Protein backbone atom coordinates (compact mmCIF):
# COMPACT_ATOMS: atom_id res chain seq x y z
CA MET A 1 -123.82 188.96 28.28
CA THR A 2 -124.58 185.56 26.77
CA ALA A 3 -121.83 182.96 27.01
CA TYR A 4 -121.69 180.04 24.58
CA MET A 5 -119.73 176.86 25.23
CA TYR A 6 -118.12 174.93 22.37
CA PHE A 7 -116.24 171.65 22.17
CA SER A 8 -113.63 171.77 19.43
CA LEU A 9 -112.28 168.63 17.75
CA ILE A 10 -109.48 170.29 15.72
CA PRO A 11 -107.63 171.06 18.00
CA GLU A 12 -109.28 169.44 21.03
CA ALA A 13 -110.47 172.17 23.38
CA LEU A 14 -113.41 173.37 25.44
CA ILE A 15 -114.05 177.03 24.58
CA VAL A 16 -116.32 179.65 26.15
CA SER A 17 -117.13 182.54 23.83
CA MET A 18 -119.45 185.54 23.55
CA LEU A 19 -119.97 184.78 19.84
CA PRO A 20 -123.05 182.87 18.63
CA PRO A 21 -122.38 179.68 16.58
CA GLU A 22 -122.34 181.30 13.10
CA GLN A 23 -119.94 184.08 14.08
CA PHE A 24 -117.80 181.76 16.20
CA GLY A 25 -117.42 179.32 13.30
CA GLN A 26 -116.29 182.05 10.95
CA TYR A 27 -113.81 183.49 13.46
CA TYR A 28 -112.54 180.05 14.50
CA ALA A 29 -111.93 178.95 10.89
CA THR A 30 -110.27 182.17 9.71
CA GLY A 31 -108.95 183.82 12.87
CA HIS A 32 -108.49 187.56 13.04
CA LYS A 33 -106.76 187.53 9.63
CA TYR A 34 -109.26 186.69 6.91
CA LYS A 35 -106.47 185.54 4.57
CA SER A 36 -105.74 182.44 6.65
CA LYS A 37 -108.00 179.42 6.37
CA GLY A 38 -108.14 176.17 8.28
CA GLN A 39 -110.37 173.33 9.33
CA ALA A 40 -112.71 173.88 12.25
CA ILE A 41 -114.92 171.19 13.71
CA PHE A 42 -116.83 172.15 16.80
CA PHE A 43 -120.09 171.48 18.64
CA GLU A 44 -122.10 173.84 20.79
CA VAL A 45 -122.47 172.44 24.32
CA ASP A 46 -125.71 172.98 26.24
CA PRO A 47 -124.66 174.64 29.53
CA ALA A 48 -127.60 172.96 31.31
CA PHE A 49 -126.40 169.46 30.32
CA ARG A 50 -125.84 167.22 33.31
CA ASN A 51 -124.84 163.55 33.39
CA GLU A 52 -123.52 161.30 36.14
CA PHE A 53 -120.52 160.35 33.97
CA PHE A 54 -119.28 163.96 33.65
């Protein structure tokens, strides 16, 4: 199973998901009900990223 990590700006959250970016974006913007719509701003986080400040 591949796990993807996303940083969401609206609302602020760190999310781990099994969905790749395209599918995650669609689900995150519409939810499980396709009639609802909302803003979704998120970035995929590289799980191998390391920095002394984090």
